[in-house]
N, C-alpha and C. Protein backbone atom coordinates (compact mmCIF):
# COMPACT_ATOMS: atom_id res chain seq x y z
N MET A 1 0.94 -1.07 -0.22
CA MET A 1 -0.18 0.16 -0.06
C MET A 1 0.90 1.31 -0.03
N THR A 2 0.90 2.07 -0.94
CA THR A 2 1.78 3.27 -1.26
C THR A 2 0.86 4.40 -1.02
N LYS A 3 1.45 5.29 -1.12
CA LYS A 3 0.61 6.52 -1.07
C LYS A 3 -0.18 6.89 -2.40
N LYS A 4 0.64 6.26 -3.41
CA LYS A 4 -0.48 6.36 -5.01
C LYS A 4 -1.57 5.90 -5.05
N VAL A 5 -1.51 4.55 -4.45
CA VAL A 5 -2.15 3.53 -4.47
C VAL A 5 -3.78 4.07 -3.56
N ALA A 6 -2.91 4.30 -2.33
CA ALA A 6 -4.37 5.14 -1.18
C ALA A 6 -4.96 6.23 -2.13
N THR A 7 -3.99 7.27 -2.87
CA THR A 7 -4.91 8.20 -3.10
C THR A 7 -5.84 8.02 -4.44
N ARG A 8 -5.29 6.77 -5.24
CA ARG A 8 -6.52 6.56 -5.92
C ARG A 8 -7.80 5.77 -5.59
N LEU A 9 -7.84 4.92 -4.34
CA LEU A 9 -8.73 4.14 -3.76
C LEU A 9 -9.69 5.70 -3.24
N SER A 10 -8.82 6.49 -2.66
CA SER A 10 -9.71 7.70 -2.06
C SER A 10 -10.89 8.25 -3.54
N SER A 11 -10.43 7.94 -4.33
CA SER A 11 -11.51 8.12 -5.68
C SER A 11 -12.56 7.95 -5.75
N ILE A 12 -12.88 6.08 -5.20
CA ILE A 12 -14.04 5.76 -4.97
C ILE A 12 -14.71 5.87 -3.85
N ASN A 13 -16.02 5.13 -4.03
CA ASN A 13 -16.51 5.08 -2.91
C ASN A 13 -16.78 3.51 -1.97
N LEU A 14 -15.31 3.77 -0.99
CA LEU A 14 -14.93 2.40 -0.56
C LEU A 14 -14.90 2.96 1.15
N SER A 15 -16.01 1.78 1.43
CA SER A 15 -16.20 1.75 2.97
C SER A 15 -16.85 0.97 3.44
N PRO A 16 -16.40 0.14 4.39
CA PRO A 16 -15.05 0.43 5.22
C PRO A 16 -13.98 -0.16 4.19
N VAL A 17 -12.43 0.50 4.85
CA VAL A 17 -11.39 -0.36 3.92
C VAL A 17 -11.38 -1.60 4.39
N ARG A 18 -11.40 -2.74 4.00
CA ARG A 18 -10.77 -3.82 4.80
C ARG A 18 -9.31 -4.88 4.57
N LEU A 19 -8.96 -4.58 5.60
CA LEU A 19 -7.39 -5.35 5.84
C LEU A 19 -7.42 -6.28 6.05
N ALA A 20 -6.15 -7.09 5.78
CA ALA A 20 -5.86 -8.36 7.08
C ALA A 20 -4.53 -8.24 7.88
N PHE A 21 -4.32 -8.45 8.91
CA PHE A 21 -3.13 -8.36 9.73
C PHE A 21 -3.05 -9.86 10.53
N ASP A 22 -2.22 -10.79 9.99
CA ASP A 22 -2.62 -11.64 10.26
C ASP A 22 -1.48 -12.43 11.07
N PHE A 23 -0.13 -11.96 10.59
CA PHE A 23 1.17 -12.41 11.08
C PHE A 23 1.34 -11.39 11.65
N ASP A 24 2.26 -11.31 13.13
CA ASP A 24 2.98 -10.22 13.93
C ASP A 24 4.09 -9.47 12.26
N ALA A 25 5.01 -10.54 11.74
CA ALA A 25 5.85 -9.76 10.67
C ALA A 25 4.99 -9.03 9.94
N ILE A 26 4.30 -8.85 10.00
CA ILE A 26 3.23 -7.73 9.16
C ILE A 26 3.09 -6.42 9.48
N GLU A 27 3.33 -6.27 10.41
CA GLU A 27 3.03 -5.04 11.56
C GLU A 27 3.67 -4.10 10.58
N PRO A 28 4.95 -3.66 10.17
CA PRO A 28 5.18 -2.51 9.97
C PRO A 28 4.27 -2.24 8.65
N HIS A 29 4.63 -2.90 8.06
CA HIS A 29 3.76 -2.87 6.66
C HIS A 29 2.09 -2.69 6.61
N TYR A 30 1.69 -2.96 7.63
CA TYR A 30 0.32 -3.09 7.99
C TYR A 30 -0.17 -1.42 8.61
N ARG A 31 0.75 -1.15 9.61
CA ARG A 31 0.81 0.51 10.09
C ARG A 31 0.78 1.22 8.69
N THR A 32 1.85 0.85 8.25
CA THR A 32 2.05 1.96 6.95
C THR A 32 1.08 1.96 5.99
N ALA A 33 -0.15 0.81 5.89
CA ALA A 33 -0.75 0.61 4.71
C ALA A 33 -2.04 2.05 5.38
N VAL A 34 -2.24 1.64 7.22
CA VAL A 34 -3.44 2.13 7.85
C VAL A 34 -2.84 3.41 7.59
N GLN A 35 -1.99 4.28 7.50
CA GLN A 35 -1.30 5.51 7.94
C GLN A 35 -1.76 6.04 6.81
N HIS A 36 -1.16 5.27 5.11
CA HIS A 36 -1.63 6.20 4.14
C HIS A 36 -2.73 6.43 3.96
N LEU A 37 -3.71 5.47 3.94
CA LEU A 37 -5.42 5.60 3.69
C LEU A 37 -5.71 6.24 4.43
N ALA A 38 -5.36 6.49 5.89
CA ALA A 38 -6.07 7.91 6.69
C ALA A 38 -5.56 8.86 6.40
N ASP A 39 -4.52 8.97 6.04
CA ASP A 39 -4.00 10.46 5.69
C ASP A 39 -4.60 10.76 4.37
N VAL A 40 -5.29 9.92 3.35
CA VAL A 40 -6.16 10.41 2.50
C VAL A 40 -7.82 11.09 2.72
N GLY A 41 -8.17 10.01 3.77
CA GLY A 41 -9.91 10.60 4.44
C GLY A 41 -10.24 9.21 4.89
N PHE A 42 -9.77 8.00 4.41
CA PHE A 42 -10.44 7.01 5.37
C PHE A 42 -10.71 6.73 6.33
N ARG A 43 -11.68 6.92 7.39
CA ARG A 43 -12.21 6.80 8.57
C ARG A 43 -12.75 5.10 9.53
N HIS A 44 -13.28 4.34 8.44
CA HIS A 44 -13.67 3.26 8.98
C HIS A 44 -13.01 2.48 8.42
N PHE A 45 -12.50 1.11 8.89
CA PHE A 45 -11.53 0.37 8.53
C PHE A 45 -12.26 -1.01 9.34
N THR A 46 -11.96 -2.33 8.31
CA THR A 46 -12.52 -3.64 9.18
C THR A 46 -11.06 -4.60 8.69
N THR A 47 -10.88 -5.05 9.77
CA THR A 47 -9.19 -5.54 9.57
C THR A 47 -9.40 -7.43 9.97
N TYR A 48 -9.37 -8.02 9.31
CA TYR A 48 -9.27 -9.38 9.23
C TYR A 48 -7.88 -9.93 10.07
N LEU A 49 -8.30 -11.04 11.20
CA LEU A 49 -7.11 -11.17 12.16
C LEU A 49 -7.03 -12.63 12.00
N MET A 50 -6.43 -13.42 11.38
CA MET A 50 -6.26 -14.72 11.72
C MET A 50 -5.82 -15.39 12.70
N PHE A 51 -5.88 -16.58 13.68
CA PHE A 51 -5.52 -16.88 14.34
C PHE A 51 -5.64 -18.79 14.36
N ASN A 52 -5.14 -19.36 15.46
CA ASN A 52 -4.87 -20.76 15.59
C ASN A 52 -3.71 -21.32 14.28
N PHE A 53 -2.86 -20.45 13.75
CA PHE A 53 -2.15 -20.99 12.46
C PHE A 53 -1.12 -21.28 12.99
N SER A 54 0.38 -20.09 13.08
CA SER A 54 1.27 -20.15 13.63
C SER A 54 1.55 -19.17 14.73
N ASP A 55 -0.15 -18.46 15.00
CA ASP A 55 0.30 -17.72 15.88
C ASP A 55 0.48 -18.23 17.47
N THR A 56 0.22 -17.35 18.14
CA THR A 56 -0.35 -17.68 19.95
C THR A 56 -1.47 -16.77 19.96
N PRO A 57 -2.26 -16.93 21.57
CA PRO A 57 -3.27 -16.27 22.29
C PRO A 57 -2.43 -14.52 22.30
N ARG A 58 -1.24 -14.88 22.85
CA ARG A 58 -0.58 -13.49 22.77
C ARG A 58 -0.40 -12.57 21.94
N SER A 59 -0.15 -13.31 20.50
CA SER A 59 -0.25 -12.23 19.33
C SER A 59 -1.34 -11.93 18.67
N LEU A 60 -2.10 -12.90 19.16
CA LEU A 60 -3.97 -12.39 18.58
C LEU A 60 -4.50 -11.28 19.43
N TYR A 61 -3.94 -11.18 20.71
CA TYR A 61 -4.10 -10.22 21.99
C TYR A 61 -3.31 -8.86 21.38
N ARG A 62 -2.40 -9.01 20.94
CA ARG A 62 -1.41 -7.88 20.55
C ARG A 62 -2.18 -7.29 19.19
N ARG A 63 -2.28 -7.67 18.79
CA ARG A 63 -2.80 -7.19 17.09
C ARG A 63 -3.85 -6.60 17.59
N MET A 64 -4.76 -6.71 18.04
CA MET A 64 -6.44 -6.44 18.19
C MET A 64 -5.90 -4.96 19.16
N LYS A 65 -5.15 -5.15 20.04
CA LYS A 65 -4.70 -3.88 21.14
C LYS A 65 -3.79 -2.52 19.79
N ILE A 66 -3.32 -3.60 18.87
CA ILE A 66 -2.59 -2.61 17.96
C ILE A 66 -3.28 -1.74 17.18
N ASN A 67 -4.92 -2.49 16.72
CA ASN A 67 -5.82 -1.49 15.99
C ASN A 67 -6.39 -0.53 16.52
N LEU A 68 -6.54 -1.18 18.35
CA LEU A 68 -7.12 0.53 18.67
C LEU A 68 -5.62 0.92 19.26
N GLU A 69 -4.94 1.29 19.19
CA GLU A 69 -3.88 2.25 19.23
C GLU A 69 -3.91 3.05 17.48
N LEU A 70 -4.24 1.93 16.46
CA LEU A 70 -4.32 2.73 15.41
C LEU A 70 -5.55 4.00 15.22
N GLY A 71 -6.71 3.56 16.10
CA GLY A 71 -7.71 4.46 16.02
C GLY A 71 -7.47 5.25 16.54
N ARG A 72 -6.78 4.91 17.65
CA ARG A 72 -6.46 6.76 18.39
C ARG A 72 -5.82 7.28 17.66
N LYS A 73 -5.00 6.62 17.13
CA LYS A 73 -3.38 8.06 16.65
C LYS A 73 -4.02 8.45 15.73
N HIS A 74 -4.70 7.83 14.73
CA HIS A 74 -5.27 8.87 13.61
C HIS A 74 -6.93 9.02 13.32
N GLY A 75 -7.45 8.92 14.67
CA GLY A 75 -8.80 8.95 14.58
C GLY A 75 -9.46 8.48 13.45
N ILE A 76 -9.49 7.32 13.51
CA ILE A 76 -10.35 6.02 12.50
C ILE A 76 -11.28 5.09 13.40
N GLU A 77 -11.91 4.46 12.82
CA GLU A 77 -12.52 3.53 13.74
C GLU A 77 -11.91 2.05 12.85
N VAL A 78 -11.40 0.92 13.55
CA VAL A 78 -10.76 -0.20 12.88
C VAL A 78 -11.17 -1.15 13.64
N THR A 79 -12.57 -1.99 13.11
CA THR A 79 -12.96 -3.03 13.65
C THR A 79 -12.67 -4.35 13.23
N GLY A 80 -12.33 -5.22 14.25
CA GLY A 80 -11.44 -6.10 14.14
C GLY A 80 -12.59 -7.73 13.77
N PHE A 81 -12.13 -9.01 12.92
CA PHE A 81 -12.78 -9.80 12.81
C PHE A 81 -11.68 -10.73 12.78
N PRO A 82 -11.66 -11.18 13.96
CA PRO A 82 -10.91 -12.89 14.08
C PRO A 82 -11.57 -14.07 13.36
N MET A 83 -10.41 -14.26 12.61
CA MET A 83 -10.81 -15.64 11.81
C MET A 83 -10.38 -16.73 11.83
N ARG A 84 -10.71 -17.83 12.41
CA ARG A 84 -9.96 -18.94 12.90
C ARG A 84 -9.43 -19.43 11.31
N PHE A 85 -8.39 -20.42 11.83
CA PHE A 85 -8.15 -21.25 10.62
C PHE A 85 -8.14 -22.61 11.05
N ILE A 86 -8.37 -23.56 10.20
CA ILE A 86 -9.03 -24.41 9.98
C ILE A 86 -7.99 -25.29 8.76
N PRO A 87 -7.79 -26.29 8.87
CA PRO A 87 -7.15 -26.87 7.46
C PRO A 87 -7.83 -27.42 6.38
N ILE A 88 -8.32 -27.28 5.24
CA ILE A 88 -9.28 -27.34 4.35
C ILE A 88 -9.57 -28.96 4.69
N ASP A 89 -8.92 -29.93 4.66
CA ASP A 89 -9.23 -31.21 5.32
C ASP A 89 -9.67 -31.85 6.72
N ASP A 90 -9.94 -30.83 7.45
CA ASP A 90 -10.32 -31.00 8.83
C ASP A 90 -11.73 -30.56 8.67
N VAL A 91 -12.65 -32.07 8.47
CA VAL A 91 -14.17 -31.81 7.88
C VAL A 91 -14.64 -31.73 9.39
N ASP A 92 -13.87 -31.87 10.40
CA ASP A 92 -14.30 -31.78 11.82
C ASP A 92 -14.49 -30.95 12.35
N ARG A 93 -13.46 -29.70 12.12
CA ARG A 93 -12.97 -28.58 12.47
C ARG A 93 -12.70 -28.59 13.95
N GLN A 94 -11.90 -29.44 13.90
CA GLN A 94 -11.56 -29.99 15.38
C GLN A 94 -9.69 -29.24 15.67
N TYR A 95 -9.42 -28.85 14.46
CA TYR A 95 -7.73 -28.52 14.43
C TYR A 95 -7.30 -27.23 15.39
N VAL A 96 -6.46 -27.57 16.45
CA VAL A 96 -5.88 -26.96 17.33
C VAL A 96 -4.70 -26.85 16.87
N SER A 97 -3.75 -25.63 16.43
CA SER A 97 -2.74 -25.67 16.53
C SER A 97 -1.52 -25.47 17.77
N PRO A 98 0.29 -25.73 17.84
CA PRO A 98 0.89 -25.77 18.68
C PRO A 98 0.72 -24.98 19.79
N GLY A 99 0.47 -23.18 19.35
CA GLY A 99 0.97 -22.56 20.24
C GLY A 99 -0.73 -22.37 20.87
N TRP A 100 -1.94 -22.80 20.33
CA TRP A 100 -3.07 -22.61 21.04
C TRP A 100 -3.88 -23.74 21.88
N THR A 101 -4.68 -23.57 22.68
CA THR A 101 -5.14 -25.03 23.49
C THR A 101 -6.68 -24.51 23.27
N TRP A 102 -7.49 -26.19 23.10
CA TRP A 102 -9.01 -26.21 22.95
C TRP A 102 -10.05 -25.06 23.65
N ARG A 103 -9.49 -25.10 24.95
CA ARG A 103 -10.34 -24.04 26.03
C ARG A 103 -10.08 -22.66 25.44
N TYR A 104 -8.61 -22.17 25.08
CA TYR A 104 -8.70 -21.29 24.68
C TYR A 104 -9.52 -20.63 23.13
N LEU A 105 -9.42 -21.62 22.57
CA LEU A 105 -10.62 -21.34 21.41
C LEU A 105 -11.80 -21.77 21.32
N ARG A 106 -12.01 -22.18 22.11
CA ARG A 106 -13.88 -22.15 22.40
C ARG A 106 -13.73 -21.18 23.35
N GLY A 107 -13.05 -19.86 24.14
CA GLY A 107 -13.32 -18.99 24.83
C GLY A 107 -13.38 -17.98 23.80
N ILE A 108 -12.50 -17.88 22.40
CA ILE A 108 -12.52 -17.16 21.64
C ILE A 108 -14.10 -16.77 21.01
N GLN A 109 -14.73 -17.83 20.65
CA GLN A 109 -15.39 -18.44 19.72
C GLN A 109 -17.07 -18.14 21.07
N CYS A 110 -16.86 -17.98 21.63
CA CYS A 110 -17.90 -17.65 23.01
C CYS A 110 -18.05 -16.40 23.25
N VAL A 111 -16.16 -15.82 23.07
CA VAL A 111 -16.65 -13.87 23.62
C VAL A 111 -17.23 -13.22 21.65
N LEU A 112 -16.92 -14.69 20.99
CA LEU A 112 -17.08 -13.30 19.70
C LEU A 112 -18.86 -13.66 19.33
N LEU A 113 -19.14 -14.85 19.93
CA LEU A 113 -20.68 -14.81 19.83
C LEU A 113 -21.20 -14.04 20.52
N ALA A 114 -20.74 -13.35 21.67
CA ALA A 114 -21.32 -12.22 22.18
C ALA A 114 -21.13 -10.76 22.08
N THR A 115 -20.38 -10.69 21.08
CA THR A 115 -19.82 -9.23 20.11
C THR A 115 -20.56 -9.55 18.57
N HIS A 116 -20.99 -10.70 18.53
CA HIS A 116 -21.22 -10.86 16.95
C HIS A 116 -20.57 -10.87 16.02
N GLY A 117 -19.35 -11.29 16.82
CA GLY A 117 -18.35 -11.71 15.69
C GLY A 117 -17.17 -10.69 15.55
N MET A 118 -17.47 -9.63 16.00
CA MET A 118 -16.53 -8.32 15.69
C MET A 118 -15.69 -8.37 17.18
N VAL A 119 -14.52 -7.27 16.85
CA VAL A 119 -13.87 -6.68 17.99
C VAL A 119 -13.86 -5.43 17.53
N SER A 120 -14.81 -4.14 18.74
CA SER A 120 -15.11 -3.25 18.25
C SER A 120 -13.94 -2.55 19.13
N PRO A 121 -14.44 -1.26 17.88
CA PRO A 121 -13.59 0.24 17.75
C PRO A 121 -12.88 0.54 18.91
N TYR A 122 -14.01 0.09 19.59
CA TYR A 122 -14.06 1.42 21.16
C TYR A 122 -13.48 0.71 22.20
N ARG A 123 -12.49 1.31 22.93
CA ARG A 123 -11.57 0.80 24.21
C ARG A 123 -12.51 0.10 24.97
N PRO A 124 -13.64 0.98 25.51
CA PRO A 124 -14.14 0.43 26.91
C PRO A 124 -15.20 -0.84 26.34
N PHE A 125 -15.56 -0.98 25.29
CA PHE A 125 -16.40 -2.27 24.99
C PHE A 125 -15.16 -3.40 24.54
N PHE A 126 -14.03 -3.05 24.48
CA PHE A 126 -12.78 -3.72 23.76
C PHE A 126 -12.50 -4.40 25.22
N HIS A 127 -12.63 -3.81 26.13
CA HIS A 127 -11.89 -3.78 27.45
C HIS A 127 -12.83 -4.82 28.26
N ALA A 128 -13.82 -4.72 27.73
CA ALA A 128 -15.21 -5.40 28.86
C ALA A 128 -14.88 -6.78 28.41
N ALA A 129 -15.01 -6.75 26.67
CA ALA A 129 -14.97 -8.34 25.48
C ALA A 129 -13.73 -8.79 26.16
N PHE A 130 -12.74 -8.61 25.59
CA PHE A 130 -11.74 -9.15 25.95
C PHE A 130 -10.30 -9.16 26.66
N GLY A 131 -10.45 -8.08 28.09
CA GLY A 131 -9.94 -8.01 28.89
C GLY A 131 -8.87 -7.05 28.61
N SER A 132 -8.59 -5.93 29.65
CA SER A 132 -7.72 -5.09 29.67
C SER A 132 -5.96 -5.22 29.65
N SER A 133 -5.52 -6.37 30.05
CA SER A 133 -4.32 -6.85 29.68
C SER A 133 -4.68 -8.57 29.09
N TYR A 134 -3.40 -8.64 29.09
CA TYR A 134 -2.84 -10.39 28.27
C TYR A 134 -3.44 -11.00 29.50
N GLU A 135 -3.33 -10.78 31.21
CA GLU A 135 -3.71 -11.96 31.36
C GLU A 135 -5.05 -12.03 31.75
N GLU A 136 -6.13 -10.99 31.75
CA GLU A 136 -7.07 -11.29 31.58
C GLU A 136 -7.72 -11.66 30.81
N PHE A 137 -7.26 -11.41 29.58
CA PHE A 137 -7.89 -11.64 28.20
C PHE A 137 -7.37 -13.66 28.70
N LEU A 138 -6.80 -13.97 28.62
CA LEU A 138 -6.31 -15.63 29.28
C LEU A 138 -7.56 -16.32 30.31
N GLU A 139 -7.82 -14.70 31.01
CA GLU A 139 -8.73 -15.94 32.41
C GLU A 139 -9.85 -15.68 31.54
N ILE A 140 -10.31 -14.70 30.83
CA ILE A 140 -11.95 -14.62 30.24
C ILE A 140 -11.81 -16.42 29.11
N LEU A 141 -10.76 -16.00 28.59
CA LEU A 141 -10.76 -17.44 27.47
C LEU A 141 -11.02 -18.55 28.21
N SER A 142 -10.68 -18.74 29.58
CA SER A 142 -10.43 -20.06 30.69
C SER A 142 -12.01 -20.17 31.25
N MET A 143 -12.93 -19.25 31.08
CA MET A 143 -14.10 -19.25 31.88
C MET A 143 -15.08 -20.20 31.19
N PRO A 144 -15.86 -20.60 31.78
CA PRO A 144 -16.94 -21.70 30.92
C PRO A 144 -17.82 -20.91 30.58
N ASP A 145 -18.58 -21.61 29.16
CA ASP A 145 -19.13 -20.55 28.01
C ASP A 145 -19.93 -19.95 28.69
N ARG A 146 -20.84 -20.10 29.44
CA ARG A 146 -22.34 -19.79 29.77
C ARG A 146 -21.77 -17.74 30.92
N TYR A 147 -20.39 -18.57 31.06
CA TYR A 147 -20.01 -16.99 32.35
C TYR A 147 -19.32 -16.13 30.79
N ILE A 148 -19.21 -16.58 30.17
CA ILE A 148 -18.66 -15.36 29.47
C ILE A 148 -19.88 -14.93 28.36
N ILE A 149 -20.72 -16.08 27.47
CA ILE A 149 -21.29 -15.43 26.60
C ILE A 149 -22.76 -14.50 27.78
N GLN A 150 -23.00 -15.23 28.91
CA GLN A 150 -23.84 -14.34 29.57
C GLN A 150 -23.50 -13.74 30.68
N ARG A 151 -22.24 -12.90 30.24
CA ARG A 151 -21.26 -12.56 31.66
C ARG A 151 -22.66 -11.81 32.66
N GLU A 152 -22.94 -11.20 32.43
CA GLU A 152 -24.28 -10.08 33.46
C GLU A 152 -25.12 -10.92 34.09
N LYS A 153 -25.72 -12.01 33.41
CA LYS A 153 -26.21 -12.99 34.21
C LYS A 153 -25.70 -13.39 35.52
N TYR A 154 -23.99 -13.80 35.27
CA TYR A 154 -23.54 -14.69 36.20
C TYR A 154 -22.65 -14.07 37.17
N LYS A 155 -22.25 -12.73 37.05
CA LYS A 155 -20.87 -12.24 37.43
C LYS A 155 -20.80 -12.35 38.65
N ASN A 156 -21.89 -12.14 39.56
CA ASN A 156 -22.01 -11.65 40.77
C ASN A 156 -21.53 -13.04 41.69
N ARG A 157 -22.40 -14.28 40.99
CA ARG A 157 -21.90 -15.29 42.01
C ARG A 157 -21.07 -16.15 41.38
N GLU A 158 -22.02 -16.89 40.26
CA GLU A 158 -21.15 -18.47 39.82
C GLU A 158 -20.05 -18.30 39.61
N ALA A 159 -19.90 -16.73 38.47
CA ALA A 159 -18.52 -16.61 38.15
C ALA A 159 -17.23 -15.92 38.69
N MET A 160 -17.97 -15.49 40.28
CA MET A 160 -16.94 -14.53 41.06
C MET A 160 -16.72 -16.20 41.92
N ASP A 161 -17.28 -17.30 42.42
CA ASP A 161 -16.76 -18.74 42.82
C ASP A 161 -15.54 -18.78 41.85
N TRP A 162 -16.32 -19.16 40.58
CA TRP A 162 -15.11 -20.08 39.19
C TRP A 162 -13.69 -19.15 39.44
N ARG A 163 -13.81 -18.19 39.57
CA ARG A 163 -13.15 -16.68 39.34
C ARG A 163 -11.99 -16.93 40.33
N LYS A 164 -12.32 -17.03 41.65
CA LYS A 164 -11.67 -17.23 43.22
C LYS A 164 -11.03 -18.78 43.40
N ARG A 165 -11.64 -19.24 42.37
CA ARG A 165 -11.12 -20.81 42.65
C ARG A 165 -9.93 -20.65 41.18
N PHE A 166 -9.80 -20.31 40.36
CA PHE A 166 -9.27 -19.95 39.34
C PHE A 166 -7.77 -19.55 39.56
N ARG A 167 -8.26 -18.32 39.90
CA ARG A 167 -6.70 -17.57 40.81
C ARG A 167 -6.09 -18.11 41.64
N ARG A 168 -6.58 -19.33 42.80
CA ARG A 168 -5.74 -19.67 43.42
C ARG A 168 -4.77 -21.03 42.68
N LEU A 169 -4.98 -21.30 41.73
CA LEU A 169 -4.20 -22.39 40.68
C LEU A 169 -2.87 -21.48 40.40
N SER A 170 -1.60 -21.90 40.56
CA SER A 170 -0.56 -21.48 40.02
C SER A 170 -0.64 -21.76 38.18
N LYS A 171 0.53 -21.15 37.60
CA LYS A 171 0.15 -21.17 36.48
C LYS A 171 0.70 -22.65 35.87
N GLY A 172 1.60 -23.46 36.67
CA GLY A 172 1.41 -24.87 36.06
C GLY A 172 0.20 -25.65 36.40
N ARG A 173 -0.44 -25.82 37.31
CA ARG A 173 -1.56 -25.60 37.67
C ARG A 173 -2.82 -25.65 36.32
N ARG A 174 -2.87 -24.28 36.20
CA ARG A 174 -3.69 -24.00 35.01
C ARG A 174 -3.35 -24.49 33.76
N ILE A 175 -2.09 -24.72 33.29
CA ILE A 175 -1.85 -25.40 32.07
C ILE A 175 -2.52 -26.66 32.52
N GLU A 176 -2.31 -27.57 33.47
CA GLU A 176 -2.83 -28.57 33.84
C GLU A 176 -4.78 -29.11 33.36
N LEU A 177 -5.28 -27.85 33.94
CA LEU A 177 -6.72 -27.37 34.26
C LEU A 177 -7.06 -27.61 32.48
N LEU A 178 -6.34 -26.67 31.36
CA LEU A 178 -6.66 -26.96 30.29
C LEU A 178 -6.46 -27.73 29.33
N ALA A 179 -5.63 -29.00 29.96
CA ALA A 179 -5.53 -30.05 29.36
C ALA A 179 -6.78 -31.00 29.66
N VAL A 180 -6.95 -30.52 30.71
CA VAL A 180 -8.05 -31.70 31.16
C VAL A 180 -9.54 -31.01 30.76
N LEU A 181 -9.74 -29.85 30.67
CA LEU A 181 -10.80 -29.64 30.30
C LEU A 181 -10.91 -30.18 28.68
N ALA A 182 -9.68 -30.03 27.59
CA ALA A 182 -9.57 -30.67 26.47
C ALA A 182 -9.93 -32.38 26.40
N GLU A 183 -9.40 -33.05 27.43
CA GLU A 183 -10.01 -33.92 27.83
C GLU A 183 -11.43 -34.63 27.43
N LEU A 184 -11.88 -33.97 28.73
CA LEU A 184 -13.52 -33.57 28.98
C LEU A 184 -14.66 -33.26 27.88
N ASN A 185 -13.45 -32.24 26.92
CA ASN A 185 -14.45 -31.85 25.59
C ASN A 185 -15.00 -33.10 24.76
N ARG A 186 -13.85 -34.47 24.68
CA ARG A 186 -13.53 -35.10 24.25
C ARG A 186 -14.20 -36.13 24.73
N SER A 187 -14.42 -36.28 25.95
CA SER A 187 -15.47 -37.46 26.75
C SER A 187 -16.56 -37.31 26.63
N ARG A 188 -17.10 -39.05 26.39
CA ARG A 188 -18.94 -39.15 26.42
C ARG A 188 -19.33 -39.08 27.64
N ASN A 189 -18.73 -39.64 28.54
CA ASN A 189 -18.93 -39.82 30.06
C ASN A 189 -18.36 -38.72 30.65
N LYS A 190 -18.79 -37.25 30.84
CA LYS A 190 -18.14 -36.80 31.43
C LYS A 190 -18.02 -36.62 33.19
N LYS A 191 -18.77 -36.95 33.84
CA LYS A 191 -18.42 -37.45 35.42
C LYS A 191 -17.63 -38.68 35.41
N GLU A 192 -17.53 -39.68 34.55
CA GLU A 192 -16.74 -40.06 35.36
C GLU A 192 -14.82 -40.03 34.83
N GLU A 193 -14.92 -39.18 33.86
CA GLU A 193 -13.78 -38.49 33.56
C GLU A 193 -13.51 -37.41 34.85
N MET A 194 -14.37 -36.61 35.31
CA MET A 194 -14.18 -35.40 36.53
C MET A 194 -13.50 -36.26 37.36
N ALA A 195 -14.30 -37.22 37.80
CA ALA A 195 -13.97 -37.80 38.99
C ALA A 195 -12.12 -38.45 38.90
N LYS A 196 -11.65 -38.40 37.84
CA LYS A 196 -10.12 -38.90 37.75
C LYS A 196 -9.21 -37.60 38.29
N HIS A 197 -10.22 -36.48 37.91
CA HIS A 197 -9.54 -35.12 38.16
C HIS A 197 -10.26 -35.13 39.84
N ARG A 198 -9.66 -35.20 40.70
CA ARG A 198 -10.78 -34.79 42.04
C ARG A 198 -9.77 -33.27 42.51
N SER A 199 -8.60 -33.12 42.36
CA SER A 199 -8.06 -31.75 42.72
C SER A 199 -8.82 -30.53 42.11
N PHE A 200 -9.41 -31.08 40.76
CA PHE A 200 -9.80 -29.74 40.24
C PHE A 200 -11.56 -30.00 39.98
N ARG A 201 -12.03 -30.52 41.35
CA ARG A 201 -13.46 -30.95 40.78
C ARG A 201 -14.04 -29.68 40.99
N ALA A 202 -14.13 -28.99 42.11
CA ALA A 202 -14.98 -27.73 41.70
C ALA A 202 -14.77 -26.90 40.90
N VAL A 203 -13.67 -26.61 40.63
CA VAL A 203 -13.33 -25.50 39.45
C VAL A 203 -14.26 -26.48 38.40
N LEU A 204 -14.13 -27.65 37.79
CA LEU A 204 -14.67 -28.38 36.73
C LEU A 204 -16.14 -28.40 37.07
N GLU A 205 -16.65 -28.51 38.18
CA GLU A 205 -18.12 -28.54 38.41
C GLU A 205 -18.83 -27.39 37.62
N HIS A 206 -17.67 -26.17 37.31
CA HIS A 206 -18.72 -25.24 36.85
C HIS A 206 -18.53 -25.01 35.36
N TYR A 207 -18.00 -25.93 35.13
CA TYR A 207 -18.29 -26.25 33.05
C TYR A 207 -19.03 -27.27 32.91
N TYR A 208 -19.25 -28.65 33.83
CA TYR A 208 -20.02 -29.41 33.81
C TYR A 208 -20.75 -29.71 35.16
N PRO A 209 -21.68 -29.14 35.79
CA PRO A 209 -22.48 -29.36 36.90
C PRO A 209 -22.90 -30.79 36.84
N ASP A 210 -22.24 -31.45 37.95
CA ASP A 210 -22.69 -33.07 37.96
C ASP A 210 -22.20 -33.71 36.95
N GLY A 211 -21.65 -33.36 36.15
CA GLY A 211 -20.77 -33.87 34.78
C GLY A 211 -21.83 -33.64 33.62
N LYS A 212 -23.01 -32.88 33.78
CA LYS A 212 -23.65 -32.46 32.49
C LYS A 212 -23.46 -31.23 31.81
N VAL A 213 -23.91 -31.39 30.23
CA VAL A 213 -23.33 -30.38 29.56
C VAL A 213 -24.67 -29.69 29.48
N LEU A 214 -24.38 -28.36 30.03
CA LEU A 214 -25.41 -27.29 30.34
C LEU A 214 -26.14 -27.21 29.21
N GLY A 215 -27.31 -26.70 28.64
CA GLY A 215 -28.10 -26.36 27.08
C GLY A 215 -28.33 -27.69 25.83
N LYS A 216 -27.67 -28.61 26.35
CA LYS A 216 -28.10 -29.96 25.58
C LYS A 216 -29.67 -30.83 25.96
C-alpha cells in the first residue's frame, strides 16, 4: 500500500476499507497501509485477524490492541474480525495449532458469539469483552462458556466463585486444567472423567455441573 495507491482508492466509494493483519511480521507494513489510507481521508476500517495458525493467544491479543492504538492515533475506527484457521481437510473442524489450546479457542468462540463476531473499535467495549491486559484476556478465555456469553447474568455469584478458585491455581496448575478441559470435551462420560481429577473437581463443576453439559 503506497501513497499513490491510497490516493487512487480515495477517488472511489469505499467504506469500510478491508485489510488483513494475520501475522506479527507484517506489522510495519500494516501500520504504513493504515497511515496512508487515513491520510487520504478513510475513517472506517475492517481488519481480519487470522488465529490458530502459526500464532499464539498473545499474538492475537497484541494485534487487536494495535488496532485500538491506530484508531486513537489517526482518529479512525478499526473494527477487528478474528478468523480461526482450520485446515481444508479437517472436516470436523477440531484443529488446534501448537500455539493454542482447545479451551482458549472455545473461549474466543464464546466471546465472538457475544460480540456478533467483531472486535469493537471502542476501548471500553474492547476491555469489557477481551480484557484490559493479556492476563485478563487469558482468564476470560478460560471461563466456562455461559460465564462468557452471559457475563452479566452470572457475574455476581457463580462467576465470582469460579474466578476465586481459578486464581488460586499456579501457572502450572492452570496449564494442567486446560489439558483436563480438552479431555473432557472429547469424553462422552464427563462425570466419570471428572472423577479422575479430584483436585480440580470444584472448578470443573462450573464447566459441567454434576458432569452434565448445560443447554443440551
